[in-house]
Amino acid sequence: MKERRTKWRNRTRARVKVSHSVFGEVEGNTMDISDSGVFITLKDCPILPLGSHVNLQFVDSASPELLFNAKVVRQTRKGVALKLVDYEFRGGRYGLKELRDQWGMFSEYDKFSD
């Protein structure tokens, strides 16, 4: 199978909470994280339709108050792949570019894209 990913993935285990008005809140762990998304395993994983949006919180991060808006792009028996869309912080909604700029982060892919 040909690799279609454009972002480098970092195998990282971090505790997360995923929430949605339909199923409430479930806890899980990341398996890997990239500049634009995350794959997570969830306890008692609900069926998440492709394209649906959920809220994602990294529980043990330096800024656990950041709440990411994430889109479901794939679901398997092992977990769910989410694309990070934007994030909320102190009542404001921001694009991921602002977060990268604030933390001085960029991916190898971003060097070559507009």
Protein backbone atom coordinates (compact mmCIF):
# COMPACT_ATOMS: atom_id res chain seq x y z
CA MET A 1 0.00 0.00 0.00
CA LYS A 2 1.39 3.39 -1.00
CA GLU A 3 1.93 5.91 1.79
CA ARG A 4 -0.37 8.92 1.24
CA ARG A 5 0.50 10.90 4.35
CA THR A 6 2.06 14.32 3.85
CA LYS A 7 2.83 14.94 7.53
CA TRP A 8 5.43 13.20 9.67
CA ARG A 9 3.95 11.21 12.56
CA ASN A 10 5.35 11.00 16.07
CA ARG A 11 4.44 7.93 18.10
CA THR A 12 3.27 9.49 21.33
CA ARG A 13 1.09 8.24 24.14
CA ALA A 14 -0.92 10.99 25.79
CA ARG A 15 -4.22 10.94 27.67
CA VAL A 16 -7.11 12.61 25.85
CA LYS A 17 -10.80 13.28 26.29
CA VAL A 18 -13.12 13.27 23.29
CA SER A 19 -16.56 14.81 23.62
CA HIS A 20 -19.67 15.31 21.52
CA SER A 21 -23.24 16.30 22.37
CA VAL A 22 -24.54 12.90 21.20
CA PHE A 23 -22.32 10.55 23.25
CA GLY A 24 -20.93 12.80 25.99
CA GLU A 25 -17.29 12.35 26.93
CA VAL A 26 -14.95 9.37 26.54
CA GLU A 27 -11.32 8.97 27.54
CA GLY A 28 -8.53 7.51 25.46
CA ASN A 29 -4.88 7.65 24.51
CA THR A 30 -3.03 8.88 21.47
CA MET A 31 -1.06 6.40 19.39
CA ASP A 32 0.54 8.97 17.12
CA ILE A 33 0.36 12.69 16.48
CA SER A 34 1.21 14.71 13.40
CA ASP A 35 1.15 18.41 12.63
CA SER A 36 -2.43 18.13 11.42
CA GLY A 37 -4.00 15.19 13.20
CA VAL A 38 -3.97 12.42 15.74
CA PHE A 39 -4.86 8.73 15.97
CA ILE A 40 -6.41 7.75 19.29
CA THR A 41 -7.68 4.65 21.01
CA LEU A 42 -10.85 5.24 23.02
CA LYS A 43 -12.36 3.39 25.96
CA ASP A 44 -15.89 2.31 25.02
CA CYS A 45 -15.46 3.85 21.58
CA PRO A 46 -18.71 5.13 20.08
CA ILE A 47 -19.32 4.85 16.35
CA LEU A 48 -18.18 8.16 14.89
CA PRO A 49 -19.46 8.89 11.36
CA LEU A 50 -16.80 10.08 8.92
CA GLY A 51 -16.81 13.86 8.69
CA SER A 52 -18.38 14.39 12.12
CA HIS A 53 -16.74 16.89 14.46
CA VAL A 54 -15.72 16.23 18.06
CA ASN A 55 -13.94 18.18 20.77
CA LEU A 56 -10.50 16.91 21.76
CA GLN A 57 -8.62 17.78 24.94
CA PHE A 58 -5.06 16.71 25.79
CA VAL A 59 -5.50 16.06 29.51
CA ASP A 60 -1.88 16.13 30.71
CA SER A 61 -0.51 18.79 28.36
CA ALA A 62 1.10 22.04 29.46
CA SER A 63 -2.13 23.76 28.34
CA PRO A 64 -5.00 21.33 29.04
CA GLU A 65 -7.48 24.20 28.64
CA LEU A 66 -6.95 24.14 24.86
CA LEU A 67 -9.97 22.46 23.27
CA PHE A 68 -9.44 21.25 19.71
CA ASN A 69 -12.18 20.96 17.12
CA ALA A 70 -11.39 17.75 15.24
CA LYS A 71 -12.93 16.01 12.25
CA VAL A 72 -13.26 12.21 12.05
CA VAL A 73 -11.36 10.99 8.98
CA ARG A 74 -11.09 7.26 9.72
CA GLN A 75 -12.23 4.72 12.28
CA THR A 76 -10.92 1.19 12.83
CA ARG A 77 -11.28 -1.48 15.50
CA LYS A 78 -8.15 0.01 17.12
CA GLY A 79 -9.32 3.61 17.25
CA VAL A 80 -10.14 6.77 15.38
CA ALA A 81 -8.10 9.19 13.23
CA LEU A 82 -8.93 12.85 13.72
CA LYS A 83 -7.89 15.85 11.66
CA LEU A 84 -7.30 18.93 13.81
CA VAL A 85 -9.37 21.80 12.42
CA ASP A 86 -8.93 24.65 14.91
CA TYR A 87 -8.92 25.23 18.66
CA GLU A 88 -10.67 27.20 21.38
CA PHE A 89 -8.90 29.06 24.15
CA ARG A 90 -10.42 31.43 26.73
CA GLY A 91 -13.58 31.98 24.71
CA GLY A 92 -11.82 32.58 21.39
CA ARG A 93 -11.50 30.31 18.37
CA TYR A 94 -8.19 30.18 16.51
CA GLY A 95 -6.62 28.44 13.53
CA LEU A 96 -3.79 25.98 13.97
CA LYS A 97 -1.38 28.43 12.34
CA GLU A 98 -1.76 30.74 15.36
CA LEU A 99 -0.91 27.86 17.68
CA ARG A 100 2.15 26.91 15.62
CA ASP A 101 3.27 30.56 15.52
CA GLN A 102 2.78 30.94 19.28
CA TRP A 103 4.83 27.86 20.05
CA GLY A 104 7.36 28.48 17.26
CA MET A 105 6.42 25.17 15.67
CA PHE A 106 6.34 24.12 12.05
CA SER A 107 6.46 20.85 10.20
CA GLU A 108 8.82 19.86 7.44
CA TYR A 109 5.84 19.95 5.09
CA ASP A 110 4.97 23.53 6.02
CA LYS A 111 8.36 24.74 4.74
CA PHE A 112 7.21 23.96 1.22
CA SER A 113 3.53 24.90 1.36
CA ASP A 114 1.83 28.29 1.26
